[in-house]
């Protein structure tokens, strides 16, 4: 536990903090997501070490969701245990977010975006984590069956109840973002952020125009899967390891994703990273933050050394025009 007693100046000097849209809130350039490896099948000591390592390196933002596990709810329960064990004394120095929008409990009220579901889910999340409020509460995905105004009003009321300080959305495209943002403006809701998938290998947020729109309209963006589930590392260059996510999980990264065409791009990108004095993972994270439009990148980890490697990208975040052009040619 000695590492938990670093002076504040040492801890926060290790991180860059970016203003979230037009709000007063700043997020660390690197945030820790508890999507994988914090469930009931994980090692609690390893989880604790990862969270403490993250915080001691300036990562103040911990991102969860009601269904993170396995089993659903397990990540929040384990994070609540970590707060009670060590991090909880730093509550005012932490940004804790959670979400609701995917299937969580049986019956018609445990999914999507109704007022009943969003309110009940947050109450459950707060109990699991032992918190009175979260800093950001997200609607996890658009709900085609619930009036958008109902979802927006529920989130607004949640902030007014004191159970969340800010609200966000996740997986909303540009047009969906414009629609709910208009409702939030009318209600005066502190809507500050959209969470979207984005990486060198998934530039859909550029294609649908959300990235530019958010930057021009004071909406923060935090990205998940920045390393394309591990493809943007050297993890799969020599075959598929037995302990890889493909072999142990298989829900989000399939074996056919590791094609020779993809590996050719990975090798070419890795060469640029070596020239920059970075790992490919570090360069891929820095690339996401290259133009200031993205507030933070959400990383996942299975051990603390991965967090330290990812944070190392902060030492080289600038790209020359030539590097940008070379990367774009590889990614075409």
C-alpha atoms as a PDB file:
ATOM      1  CA  UNK A   1       0.000   0.000   0.000  1.00  0.00           C
ATOM      2  CA  UNK A   2       2.977   2.346   0.177  1.00  0.00           C
ATOM      3  CA  UNK A   3       2.358   3.508  -3.369  1.00  0.00           C
ATOM      4  CA  UNK A   4      -1.006   4.945  -2.262  1.00  0.00           C
ATOM      5  CA  UNK A   5       0.776   7.671  -0.298  1.00  0.00           C
ATOM      6  CA  UNK A   6       2.440   9.492  -3.147  1.00  0.00           C
ATOM      7  CA  UNK A   7       2.262  13.266  -2.842  1.00  0.00           C
ATOM      8  CA  UNK A   8      -0.551  14.808  -4.876  1.00  0.00           C
ATOM      9  CA  UNK A   9       1.903  16.775  -6.958  1.00  0.00           C
ATOM     10  CA  UNK A  10       3.658  13.566  -7.974  1.00  0.00           C
ATOM     11  CA  UNK A  11       0.469  11.699  -8.853  1.00  0.00           C
ATOM     12  CA  UNK A  12      -1.215  14.404 -10.902  1.00  0.00           C
ATOM     13  CA  UNK A  13       1.950  15.570 -12.601  1.00  0.00           C
ATOM     14  CA  UNK A  14       2.025  12.196 -14.355  1.00  0.00           C
ATOM     15  CA  UNK A  15      -1.209  12.814 -16.251  1.00  0.00           C
ATOM     16  CA  UNK A  16      -2.673  15.264 -18.761  1.00  0.00           C
ATOM     17  CA  UNK A  17      -6.202  16.484 -18.023  1.00  0.00           C
ATOM     18  CA  UNK A  18      -8.548  17.673 -20.769  1.00  0.00           C
ATOM     19  CA  UNK A  19     -11.659  19.790 -20.394  1.00  0.00           C
ATOM     20  CA  UNK A  20     -14.799  17.800 -21.188  1.00  0.00           C
ATOM     21  CA  UNK A  21     -16.585  19.735 -23.906  1.00  0.00           C
ATOM     22  CA  UNK A  22     -17.854  23.098 -22.701  1.00  0.00           C
ATOM     23  CA  UNK A  23     -18.204  21.944 -19.090  1.00  0.00           C
ATOM     24  CA  UNK A  24     -16.072  22.752 -16.082  1.00  0.00           C
ATOM     25  CA  UNK A  25     -15.055  19.115 -15.698  1.00  0.00           C
ATOM     26  CA  UNK A  26     -11.667  17.766 -16.721  1.00  0.00           C
ATOM     27  CA  UNK A  27     -10.990  14.119 -17.553  1.00  0.00           C
ATOM     28  CA  UNK A  28      -7.613  12.416 -17.566  1.00  0.00           C
ATOM     29  CA  UNK A  29      -6.312  11.753 -21.068  1.00  0.00           C
ATOM     30  CA  UNK A  30      -6.337   8.071 -20.092  1.00  0.00           C
ATOM     31  CA  UNK A  31      -9.292   6.590 -18.190  1.00  0.00           C
ATOM     32  CA  UNK A  32      -9.644   3.056 -16.839  1.00  0.00           C
ATOM     33  CA  UNK A  33     -12.591   0.994 -18.037  1.00  0.00           C
ATOM     34  CA  UNK A  34     -13.801  -1.939 -15.955  1.00  0.00           C
ATOM     35  CA  UNK A  35     -15.554  -3.681 -18.842  1.00  0.00           C
ATOM     36  CA  UNK A  36     -13.311  -6.757 -18.762  1.00  0.00           C
ATOM     37  CA  UNK A  37     -11.341  -8.424 -15.963  1.00  0.00           C
ATOM     38  CA  UNK A  38     -13.316  -7.019 -13.027  1.00  0.00           C
ATOM     39  CA  UNK A  39     -16.036  -9.649 -12.896  1.00  0.00           C
ATOM     40  CA  UNK A  40     -16.769 -12.578 -10.625  1.00  0.00           C
ATOM     41  CA  UNK A  41     -14.164 -14.684 -12.439  1.00  0.00           C
ATOM     42  CA  UNK A  42     -11.332 -12.212 -11.767  1.00  0.00           C
ATOM     43  CA  UNK A  43      -8.716 -12.035  -9.044  1.00  0.00           C
ATOM     44  CA  UNK A  44      -9.613  -9.368  -6.499  1.00  0.00           C
ATOM     45  CA  UNK A  45      -6.014  -8.574  -5.544  1.00  0.00           C
ATOM     46  CA  UNK A  46      -5.162  -8.043  -9.219  1.00  0.00           C
ATOM     47  CA  UNK A  47      -8.201  -5.772  -9.640  1.00  0.00           C
ATOM     48  CA  UNK A  48      -7.173  -3.757  -6.604  1.00  0.00           C
ATOM     49  CA  UNK A  49      -3.608  -3.432  -7.819  1.00  0.00           C
ATOM     50  CA  UNK A  50      -4.783  -2.210 -11.230  1.00  0.00           C
ATOM     51  CA  UNK A  51      -7.063   0.451  -9.739  1.00  0.00           C
ATOM     52  CA  UNK A  52      -4.430   1.657  -7.291  1.00  0.00           C
ATOM     53  CA  UNK A  53      -1.757   1.710  -9.999  1.00  0.00           C
ATOM     54  CA  UNK A  54      -4.080   3.699 -12.259  1.00  0.00           C
ATOM     55  CA  UNK A  55      -4.838   6.257  -9.568  1.00  0.00           C
ATOM     56  CA  UNK A  56      -1.205   6.594  -8.548  1.00  0.00           C
ATOM     57  CA  UNK A  57      -0.421   7.495 -12.155  1.00  0.00           C
ATOM     58  CA  UNK A  58      -3.055  10.210 -12.387  1.00  0.00           C
ATOM     59  CA  UNK A  59      -5.932   8.171 -13.789  1.00  0.00           C
ATOM     60  CA  UNK A  60      -8.785   9.649 -11.796  1.00  0.00           C
ATOM     61  CA  UNK A  61     -11.635   8.351 -13.956  1.00  0.00           C
ATOM     62  CA  UNK A  62     -13.026   4.839 -13.475  1.00  0.00           C
ATOM     63  CA  UNK A  63     -15.727   3.826 -15.948  1.00  0.00           C
ATOM     64  CA  UNK A  64     -18.293   1.111 -15.220  1.00  0.00           C
ATOM     65  CA  UNK A  65     -21.742  -0.061 -16.292  1.00  0.00           C
ATOM     66  CA  UNK A  66     -24.494  -1.997 -14.570  1.00  0.00           C
ATOM     67  CA  UNK A  67     -23.933  -5.083 -16.741  1.00  0.00           C
ATOM     68  CA  UNK A  68     -20.133  -5.276 -16.556  1.00  0.00           C
ATOM     69  CA  UNK A  69     -19.033  -8.630 -15.296  1.00  0.00           C
ATOM     70  CA  UNK A  70     -19.415 -11.492 -15.636  1.00  0.00           C
ATOM     71  CA  UNK A  71     -21.883 -11.772 -13.952  1.00  0.00           C
ATOM     72  CA  UNK A  72     -23.817  -8.518 -14.519  1.00  0.00           C
ATOM     73  CA  UNK A  73     -23.222  -6.219 -11.571  1.00  0.00           C
ATOM     74  CA  UNK A  74     -19.997  -7.941 -10.521  1.00  0.00           C
ATOM     75  CA  UNK A  75     -17.658  -5.178 -11.698  1.00  0.00           C
ATOM     76  CA  UNK A  76     -19.562  -2.588  -9.654  1.00  0.00           C
ATOM     77  CA  UNK A  77     -19.548  -4.870  -6.622  1.00  0.00           C
ATOM     78  CA  UNK A  78     -15.810  -5.441  -6.892  1.00  0.00           C
ATOM     79  CA  UNK A  79     -15.130  -1.759  -7.437  1.00  0.00           C
ATOM     80  CA  UNK A  80     -17.214  -1.037  -4.341  1.00  0.00           C
ATOM     81  CA  UNK A  81     -14.947  -3.417  -2.409  1.00  0.00           C
ATOM     82  CA  UNK A  82     -11.880  -1.610  -3.764  1.00  0.00           C
ATOM     83  CA  UNK A  83     -13.339   1.747  -2.705  1.00  0.00           C
ATOM     84  CA  UNK A  84     -13.940   0.397   0.781  1.00  0.00           C
ATOM     85  CA  UNK A  85     -10.466  -1.120   0.983  1.00  0.00           C
ATOM     86  CA  UNK A  86      -8.371   1.806  -0.246  1.00  0.00           C
ATOM     87  CA  UNK A  87      -9.600   4.255  -2.887  1.00  0.00           C
ATOM     88  CA  UNK A  88     -12.740   5.430  -1.108  1.00  0.00           C
ATOM     89  CA  UNK A  89     -10.850   7.917   1.051  1.00  0.00           C
ATOM     90  CA  UNK A  90     -10.014   9.741  -2.206  1.00  0.00           C
ATOM     91  CA  UNK A  91     -13.646   9.984  -3.357  1.00  0.00           C
ATOM     92  CA  UNK A  92     -13.472  13.720  -4.035  1.00  0.00           C
ATOM     93  CA  UNK A  93     -10.435  13.151  -6.255  1.00  0.00           C
ATOM     94  CA  UNK A  94     -12.131  10.438  -8.320  1.00  0.00           C
ATOM     95  CA  UNK A  95     -14.496  10.512 -11.297  1.00  0.00           C
ATOM     96  CA  UNK A  96     -16.749   7.472 -11.205  1.00  0.00           C
ATOM     97  CA  UNK A  97     -19.165   6.771 -14.045  1.00  0.00           C
ATOM     98  CA  UNK A  98     -21.678   4.046 -14.714  1.00  0.00           C
ATOM     99  CA  UNK A  99     -24.303   3.276 -17.341  1.00  0.00           C
ATOM    100  CA  UNK A 100     -27.613   1.584 -17.999  1.00  0.00           C
ATOM    101  CA  UNK A 101     -29.173   0.544 -21.286  1.00  0.00           C
ATOM    102  CA  UNK A 102     -28.480  -3.127 -21.863  1.00  0.00           C
ATOM    103  CA  UNK A 103     -30.275  -6.188 -20.495  1.00  0.00           C
ATOM    104  CA  UNK A 104     -29.764  -6.344 -16.750  1.00  0.00           C
ATOM    105  CA  UNK A 105     -32.584  -8.270 -15.022  1.00  0.00           C
ATOM    106  CA  UNK A 106     -35.562 -10.430 -16.084  1.00  0.00           C
ATOM    107  CA  UNK A 107     -38.889  -8.999 -17.133  1.00  0.00           C
ATOM    108  CA  UNK A 108     -39.896  -5.928 -19.129  1.00  0.00           C
ATOM    109  CA  UNK A 109     -38.283  -3.294 -16.875  1.00  0.00           C
ATOM    110  CA  UNK A 110     -34.604  -4.293 -16.916  1.00  0.00           C
ATOM    111  CA  UNK A 111     -33.466  -3.084 -20.329  1.00  0.00           C
ATOM    112  CA  UNK A 112     -33.285  -0.138 -22.769  1.00  0.00           C
ATOM    113  CA  UNK A 113     -34.154   3.428 -21.767  1.00  0.00           C
ATOM    114  CA  UNK A 114     -37.384   3.873 -19.833  1.00  0.00           C
ATOM    115  CA  UNK A 115     -37.557   6.127 -16.792  1.00  0.00           C
ATOM    116  CA  UNK A 116     -38.304   3.104 -14.591  1.00  0.00           C
ATOM    117  CA  UNK A 117     -35.245   1.207 -15.774  1.00  0.00           C
ATOM    118  CA  UNK A 118     -32.793   4.106 -15.636  1.00  0.00           C
ATOM    119  CA  UNK A 119     -33.818   5.174 -12.131  1.00  0.00           C
ATOM    120  CA  UNK A 120     -33.957   1.647 -10.714  1.00  0.00           C
ATOM    121  CA  UNK A 121     -30.662   0.683 -12.307  1.00  0.00           C
ATOM    122  CA  UNK A 122     -28.794   3.636 -10.876  1.00  0.00           C
ATOM    123  CA  UNK A 123     -30.160   2.904  -7.399  1.00  0.00           C
ATOM    124  CA  UNK A 124     -28.853  -0.648  -7.741  1.00  0.00           C
ATOM    125  CA  UNK A 125     -25.474   0.566  -9.031  1.00  0.00           C
ATOM    126  CA  UNK A 126     -25.062   2.966  -6.121  1.00  0.00           C
ATOM    127  CA  UNK A 127     -25.815   0.186  -3.648  1.00  0.00           C
ATOM    128  CA  UNK A 128     -23.303  -2.148  -5.288  1.00  0.00           C
ATOM    129  CA  UNK A 129     -20.550   0.476  -5.171  1.00  0.00           C
ATOM    130  CA  UNK A 130     -21.492   1.897  -1.774  1.00  0.00           C
ATOM    131  CA  UNK A 131     -21.834   5.411  -3.189  1.00  0.00           C
ATOM    132  CA  UNK A 132     -24.263   8.268  -2.719  1.00  0.00           C
ATOM    133  CA  UNK A 133     -23.751   9.559  -6.268  1.00  0.00           C
ATOM    134  CA  UNK A 134     -21.811   8.971  -9.467  1.00  0.00           C
ATOM    135  CA  UNK A 135     -20.032  11.713 -11.333  1.00  0.00           C
ATOM    136  CA  UNK A 136     -21.355  10.753 -14.778  1.00  0.00           C
ATOM    137  CA  UNK A 137     -24.408   8.610 -15.535  1.00  0.00           C
ATOM    138  CA  UNK A 138     -24.746   7.393 -19.109  1.00  0.00           C
ATOM    139  CA  UNK A 139     -27.576   6.028 -21.166  1.00  0.00           C
ATOM    140  CA  UNK A 140     -25.669   3.084 -22.626  1.00  0.00           C
ATOM    141  CA  UNK A 141     -27.406   2.830 -26.018  1.00  0.00           C
ATOM    142  CA  UNK A 142     -30.242   4.469 -27.967  1.00  0.00           C
ATOM    143  CA  UNK A 143     -33.680   2.937 -27.359  1.00  0.00           C
ATOM    144  CA  UNK A 144     -35.893   2.855 -30.475  1.00  0.00           C
ATOM    145  CA  UNK A 145     -38.948   1.868 -28.414  1.00  0.00           C
ATOM    146  CA  UNK A 146     -38.938   4.630 -25.784  1.00  0.00           C
ATOM    147  CA  UNK A 147     -39.640   8.301 -26.554  1.00  0.00           C
ATOM    148  CA  UNK A 148     -36.327  10.142 -26.506  1.00  0.00           C
ATOM    149  CA  UNK A 149     -37.848  12.814 -24.298  1.00  0.00           C
ATOM    150  CA  UNK A 150     -38.635  10.217 -21.624  1.00  0.00           C
ATOM    151  CA  UNK A 151     -35.025   9.034 -21.540  1.00  0.00           C
ATOM    152  CA  UNK A 152     -33.704  12.600 -21.481  1.00  0.00           C
ATOM    153  CA  UNK A 153     -36.146  13.664 -18.763  1.00  0.00           C
ATOM    154  CA  UNK A 154     -35.217  10.675 -16.601  1.00  0.00           C
ATOM    155  CA  UNK A 155     -31.521  11.569 -16.837  1.00  0.00           C
ATOM    156  CA  UNK A 156     -32.289  15.201 -16.042  1.00  0.00           C
ATOM    157  CA  UNK A 157     -34.335  14.228 -12.993  1.00  0.00           C
ATOM    158  CA  UNK A 158     -31.554  11.938 -11.802  1.00  0.00           C
ATOM    159  CA  UNK A 159     -29.123  14.865 -11.764  1.00  0.00           C
ATOM    160  CA  UNK A 160     -31.640  17.026  -9.943  1.00  0.00           C
ATOM    161  CA  UNK A 161     -32.064  14.241  -7.361  1.00  0.00           C
ATOM    162  CA  UNK A 162     -28.339  14.445  -6.565  1.00  0.00           C
ATOM    163  CA  UNK A 163     -27.570  10.875  -7.641  1.00  0.00           C
ATOM    164  CA  UNK A 164     -25.399  12.014 -10.573  1.00  0.00           C
ATOM    165  CA  UNK A 165     -23.470  15.211 -11.239  1.00  0.00           C
ATOM    166  CA  UNK A 166     -23.435  15.007 -15.037  1.00  0.00           C
ATOM    167  CA  UNK A 167     -25.084  12.887 -17.716  1.00  0.00           C
ATOM    168  CA  UNK A 168     -23.714  11.265 -20.820  1.00  0.00           C
ATOM    169  CA  UNK A 169     -24.766   9.035 -23.680  1.00  0.00           C
ATOM    170  CA  UNK A 170     -23.028   6.074 -25.257  1.00  0.00           C
ATOM    171  CA  UNK A 171     -23.205   4.545 -28.725  1.00  0.00           C
ATOM    172  CA  UNK A 172     -25.326   7.440 -30.045  1.00  0.00           C
ATOM    173  CA  UNK A 173     -24.479   8.502 -33.596  1.00  0.00           C
ATOM    174  CA  UNK A 174     -24.374  12.117 -34.754  1.00  0.00           C
ATOM    175  CA  UNK A 175     -28.079  12.499 -35.529  1.00  0.00           C
ATOM    176  CA  UNK A 176     -29.126  10.806 -32.283  1.00  0.00           C
ATOM    177  CA  UNK A 177     -26.712  13.024 -30.374  1.00  0.00           C
ATOM    178  CA  UNK A 178     -28.116  16.174 -31.964  1.00  0.00           C
ATOM    179  CA  UNK A 179     -31.661  15.111 -31.062  1.00  0.00           C
ATOM    180  CA  UNK A 180     -31.051  14.379 -27.384  1.00  0.00           C
ATOM    181  CA  UNK A 181     -28.693  17.341 -26.957  1.00  0.00           C
ATOM    182  CA  UNK A 182     -31.529  19.658 -28.035  1.00  0.00           C
ATOM    183  CA  UNK A 183     -33.745  18.214 -25.303  1.00  0.00           C
ATOM    184  CA  UNK A 184     -31.013  18.548 -22.706  1.00  0.00           C
ATOM    185  CA  UNK A 185     -30.471  22.205 -23.656  1.00  0.00           C
ATOM    186  CA  UNK A 186     -34.157  22.973 -23.116  1.00  0.00           C
ATOM    187  CA  UNK A 187     -34.083  21.346 -19.680  1.00  0.00           C
ATOM    188  CA  UNK A 188     -30.744  22.802 -18.632  1.00  0.00           C
ATOM    189  CA  UNK A 189     -29.292  19.316 -18.081  1.00  0.00           C
ATOM    190  CA  UNK A 190     -25.513  19.079 -17.568  1.00  0.00           C
ATOM    191  CA  UNK A 191     -25.008  16.815 -20.594  1.00  0.00           C
ATOM    192  CA  UNK A 192     -21.286  16.731 -21.267  1.00  0.00           C
ATOM    193  CA  UNK A 193     -20.116  13.581 -23.061  1.00  0.00           C
ATOM    194  CA  UNK A 194     -20.711  10.799 -25.578  1.00  0.00           C
ATOM    195  CA  UNK A 195     -18.864   7.479 -25.305  1.00  0.00           C
ATOM    196  CA  UNK A 196     -18.141   5.857 -28.676  1.00  0.00           C
ATOM    197  CA  UNK A 197     -15.996   3.104 -30.101  1.00  0.00           C
ATOM    198  CA  UNK A 198     -13.015   4.579 -31.956  1.00  0.00           C
ATOM    199  CA  UNK A 199      -9.605   3.373 -33.024  1.00  0.00           C
ATOM    200  CA  UNK A 200      -7.267   3.294 -35.995  1.00  0.00           C
ATOM    201  CA  UNK A 201      -9.252   0.276 -37.182  1.00  0.00           C
ATOM    202  CA  UNK A 202     -12.712   1.688 -36.429  1.00  0.00           C
ATOM    203  CA  UNK A 203     -13.235   5.241 -37.638  1.00  0.00           C
ATOM    204  CA  UNK A 204     -17.021   5.135 -37.803  1.00  0.00           C
ATOM    205  CA  UNK A 205     -17.261   8.170 -35.561  1.00  0.00           C
ATOM    206  CA  UNK A 206     -15.476  10.178 -38.245  1.00  0.00           C
ATOM    207  CA  UNK A 207     -17.647   8.751 -41.013  1.00  0.00           C
ATOM    208  CA  UNK A 208     -20.965   9.661 -39.374  1.00  0.00           C
ATOM    209  CA  UNK A 209     -19.708  13.142 -38.481  1.00  0.00           C
ATOM    210  CA  UNK A 210     -19.982  12.844 -34.698  1.00  0.00           C
ATOM    211  CA  UNK A 211     -16.329  13.592 -34.014  1.00  0.00           C
ATOM    212  CA  UNK A 212     -16.413  16.962 -35.774  1.00  0.00           C
ATOM    213  CA  UNK A 213     -19.894  17.839 -34.528  1.00  0.00           C
ATOM    214  CA  UNK A 214     -19.027  17.193 -30.891  1.00  0.00           C
ATOM    215  CA  UNK A 215     -15.839  19.238 -31.105  1.00  0.00           C
ATOM    216  CA  UNK A 216     -17.710  22.205 -32.609  1.00  0.00           C
ATOM    217  CA  UNK A 217     -20.632  22.042 -30.173  1.00  0.00           C
ATOM    218  CA  UNK A 218     -18.977  21.655 -26.791  1.00  0.00           C
ATOM    219  CA  UNK A 219     -19.623  17.937 -26.272  1.00  0.00           C
ATOM    220  CA  UNK A 220     -16.857  15.770 -24.858  1.00  0.00           C
ATOM    221  CA  UNK A 221     -15.976  12.425 -26.423  1.00  0.00           C
ATOM    222  CA  UNK A 222     -14.487   9.458 -24.601  1.00  0.00           C
ATOM    223  CA  UNK A 223     -13.552   6.460 -26.729  1.00  0.00           C
ATOM    224  CA  UNK A 224     -13.620   2.768 -25.946  1.00  0.00           C
ATOM    225  CA  UNK A 225     -11.840  -0.156 -27.639  1.00  0.00           C
ATOM    226  CA  UNK A 226      -8.943   2.164 -28.619  1.00  0.00           C
ATOM    227  CA  UNK A 227      -6.690  -0.841 -29.291  1.00  0.00           C
ATOM    228  CA  UNK A 228      -9.341  -2.741 -31.269  1.00  0.00           C
ATOM    229  CA  UNK A 229      -9.587  -5.490 -28.638  1.00  0.00           C
ATOM    230  CA  UNK A 230      -5.813  -5.993 -28.726  1.00  0.00           C
ATOM    231  CA  UNK A 231      -5.309  -6.014 -32.502  1.00  0.00           C
ATOM    232  CA  UNK A 232      -3.358  -2.733 -32.259  1.00  0.00           C
ATOM    233  CA  UNK A 233      -0.621  -4.377 -30.214  1.00  0.00           C
ATOM    234  CA  UNK A 234       1.948  -7.057 -30.975  1.00  0.00           C
ATOM    235  CA  UNK A 235      -0.305  -9.620 -29.278  1.00  0.00           C
ATOM    236  CA  UNK A 236      -1.354 -11.488 -32.425  1.00  0.00           C
ATOM    237  CA  UNK A 237       1.669 -11.095 -34.693  1.00  0.00           C
ATOM    238  CA  UNK A 238       2.870 -14.656 -34.104  1.00  0.00           C
ATOM    239  CA  UNK A 239      -0.434 -16.475 -33.831  1.00  0.00           C
ATOM    240  CA  UNK A 240      -3.315 -16.455 -31.362  1.00  0.00           C
ATOM    241  CA  UNK A 241      -2.104 -17.001 -27.776  1.00  0.00           C
ATOM    242  CA  UNK A 242      -3.951 -19.529 -25.628  1.00  0.00           C
ATOM    243  CA  UNK A 243      -4.679 -16.896 -22.983  1.00  0.00           C
ATOM    244  CA  UNK A 244      -5.898 -14.279 -25.487  1.00  0.00           C
ATOM    245  CA  UNK A 245      -9.391 -12.814 -25.440  1.00  0.00           C
ATOM    246  CA  UNK A 246     -10.225 -14.730 -28.623  1.00  0.00           C
ATOM    247  CA  UNK A 247      -9.523 -18.032 -26.886  1.00  0.00           C
ATOM    248  CA  UNK A 248     -10.856 -17.225 -23.408  1.00  0.00           C
ATOM    249  CA  UNK A 249     -13.931 -15.158 -24.290  1.00  0.00           C
ATOM    250  CA  UNK A 250     -14.662 -14.839 -27.982  1.00  0.00           C
ATOM    251  CA  UNK A 251     -17.688 -12.570 -27.641  1.00  0.00           C
ATOM    252  CA  UNK A 252     -16.096  -9.383 -28.932  1.00  0.00           C
ATOM    253  CA  UNK A 253     -13.056 -10.436 -30.964  1.00  0.00           C
ATOM    254  CA  UNK A 254     -13.347 -13.339 -33.393  1.00  0.00           C
ATOM    255  CA  UNK A 255     -10.529 -15.401 -34.837  1.00  0.00           C
ATOM    256  CA  UNK A 256     -11.338 -14.243 -38.373  1.00  0.00           C
ATOM    257  CA  UNK A 257     -10.484 -10.663 -37.313  1.00  0.00           C
ATOM    258  CA  UNK A 258      -6.819 -11.699 -37.225  1.00  0.00           C
ATOM    259  CA  UNK A 259      -6.440 -11.788 -40.997  1.00  0.00           C
ATOM    260  CA  UNK A 260      -3.205 -11.506 -42.934  1.00  0.00           C
ATOM    261  CA  UNK A 261      -4.380  -8.136 -44.305  1.00  0.00           C
ATOM    262  CA  UNK A 262      -4.896  -6.837 -40.763  1.00  0.00           C
ATOM    263  CA  UNK A 263      -1.541  -8.207 -39.583  1.00  0.00           C
ATOM    264  CA  UNK A 264       0.177  -6.489 -42.515  1.00  0.00           C
ATOM    265  CA  UNK A 265      -1.272  -3.178 -41.327  1.00  0.00           C
ATOM    266  CA  UNK A 266      -0.276  -3.918 -37.733  1.00  0.00           C
ATOM    267  CA  UNK A 267       3.328  -4.593 -38.784  1.00  0.00           C
ATOM    268  CA  UNK A 268       3.482  -1.384 -40.827  1.00  0.00           C
ATOM    269  CA  UNK A 269       2.037   0.661 -37.968  1.00  0.00           C
ATOM    270  CA  UNK A 270       4.451  -1.022 -35.579  1.00  0.00           C
ATOM    271  CA  UNK A 271       7.366   0.169 -37.689  1.00  0.00           C
ATOM    272  CA  UNK A 272       6.206   3.790 -37.354  1.00  0.00           C
ATOM    273  CA  UNK A 273       5.771   3.299 -33.616  1.00  0.00           C
ATOM    274  CA  UNK A 274       9.344   1.975 -33.299  1.00  0.00           C
ATOM    275  CA  UNK A 275      10.632   5.020 -35.170  1.00  0.00           C
ATOM    276  CA  UNK A 276       8.754   7.185 -32.641  1.00  0.00           C
ATOM    277  CA  UNK A 277      10.230   5.273 -29.714  1.00  0.00           C
ATOM    278  CA  UNK A 278       6.835   3.897 -28.682  1.00  0.00           C
ATOM    279  CA  UNK A 279       5.013   0.622 -28.476  1.00  0.00           C
ATOM    280  CA  UNK A 280       2.246   0.212 -31.042  1.00  0.00           C
ATOM    281  CA  UNK A 281      -0.315   0.447 -28.236  1.00  0.00           C
ATOM    282  CA  UNK A 282       1.127   3.768 -27.084  1.00  0.00           C
ATOM    283  CA  UNK A 283       1.077   5.193 -30.590  1.00  0.00           C
ATOM    284  CA  UNK A 284      -2.493   3.981 -31.191  1.00  0.00           C
ATOM    285  CA  UNK A 285      -3.676   5.739 -28.026  1.00  0.00           C
ATOM    286  CA  UNK A 286      -1.776   8.939 -28.845  1.00  0.00           C
ATOM    287  CA  UNK A 287      -3.247   8.907 -32.366  1.00  0.00           C
ATOM    288  CA  UNK A 288      -6.778   9.053 -30.944  1.00  0.00           C
ATOM    289  CA  UNK A 289      -5.870  12.234 -29.031  1.00  0.00           C
ATOM    290  CA  UNK A 290      -3.888  13.704 -31.928  1.00  0.00           C
ATOM    291  CA  UNK A 291      -6.058  16.743 -32.726  1.00  0.00           C
ATOM    292  CA  UNK A 292      -7.666  17.650 -29.397  1.00  0.00           C
ATOM    293  CA  UNK A 293     -11.195  16.565 -30.407  1.00  0.00           C
ATOM    294  CA  UNK A 294     -11.222  13.564 -28.060  1.00  0.00           C
ATOM    295  CA  UNK A 295     -11.352  14.154 -24.310  1.00  0.00           C
ATOM    296  CA  UNK A 296     -10.131  10.789 -23.045  1.00  0.00           C
ATOM    297  CA  UNK A 297      -9.349   7.241 -24.132  1.00  0.00           C
ATOM    298  CA  UNK A 298     -10.725   4.336 -22.109  1.00  0.00           C
ATOM    299  CA  UNK A 299      -8.222   1.558 -21.669  1.00  0.00           C
ATOM    300  CA  UNK A 300      -8.839  -1.945 -20.397  1.00  0.00           C
ATOM    301  CA  UNK A 301      -6.232  -4.026 -18.651  1.00  0.00           C
ATOM    302  CA  UNK A 302      -5.631  -7.450 -17.175  1.00  0.00           C
ATOM    303  CA  UNK A 303      -2.553  -6.405 -15.185  1.00  0.00           C
ATOM    304  CA  UNK A 304      -0.943  -3.229 -13.899  1.00  0.00           C
ATOM    305  CA  UNK A 305       1.989  -3.347 -16.299  1.00  0.00           C
ATOM    306  CA  UNK A 306      -0.410  -2.755 -19.190  1.00  0.00           C
ATOM    307  CA  UNK A 307      -1.721   0.389 -17.511  1.00  0.00           C
ATOM    308  CA  UNK A 308       1.803   1.698 -17.030  1.00  0.00           C
ATOM    309  CA  UNK A 309       2.660   0.990 -20.665  1.00  0.00           C
ATOM    310  CA  UNK A 310      -0.478   2.776 -21.863  1.00  0.00           C
ATOM    311  CA  UNK A 311       0.178   5.836 -19.699  1.00  0.00           C
ATOM    312  CA  UNK A 312       3.654   5.944 -21.239  1.00  0.00           C
ATOM    313  CA  UNK A 313       2.099   7.286 -24.443  1.00  0.00           C
ATOM    314  CA  UNK A 314       1.918  10.698 -22.764  1.00  0.00           C
ATOM    315  CA  UNK A 315       5.625  11.188 -23.375  1.00  0.00           C
ATOM    316  CA  UNK A 316       5.083  11.418 -27.154  1.00  0.00           C
ATOM    317  CA  UNK A 317       1.673  12.589 -28.306  1.00  0.00           C
ATOM    318  CA  UNK A 318       2.648  14.772 -31.272  1.00  0.00           C
ATOM    319  CA  UNK A 319       2.528  13.513 -34.864  1.00  0.00           C
ATOM    320  CA  UNK A 320       4.353  15.098 -37.759  1.00  0.00           C
ATOM    321  CA  UNK A 321       2.516  15.688 -41.020  1.00  0.00           C
ATOM    322  CA  UNK A 322       4.552  12.906 -42.593  1.00  0.00           C
ATOM    323  CA  UNK A 323       3.627  10.454 -39.827  1.00  0.00           C
ATOM    324  CA  UNK A 324      -0.068  11.277 -40.153  1.00  0.00           C
ATOM    325  CA  UNK A 325       0.048  10.753 -43.901  1.00  0.00           C
ATOM    326  CA  UNK A 326       1.916   7.441 -43.574  1.00  0.00           C
ATOM    327  CA  UNK A 327      -0.604   6.182 -41.025  1.00  0.00           C
ATOM    328  CA  UNK A 328      -3.555   7.219 -43.184  1.00  0.00           C
ATOM    329  CA  UNK A 329      -2.093   5.370 -46.176  1.00  0.00           C
ATOM    330  CA  UNK A 330      -1.723   2.208 -44.110  1.00  0.00           C
ATOM    331  CA  UNK A 331      -5.272   2.428 -42.794  1.00  0.00           C
ATOM    332  CA  UNK A 332      -6.951   2.886 -46.173  1.00  0.00           C
END
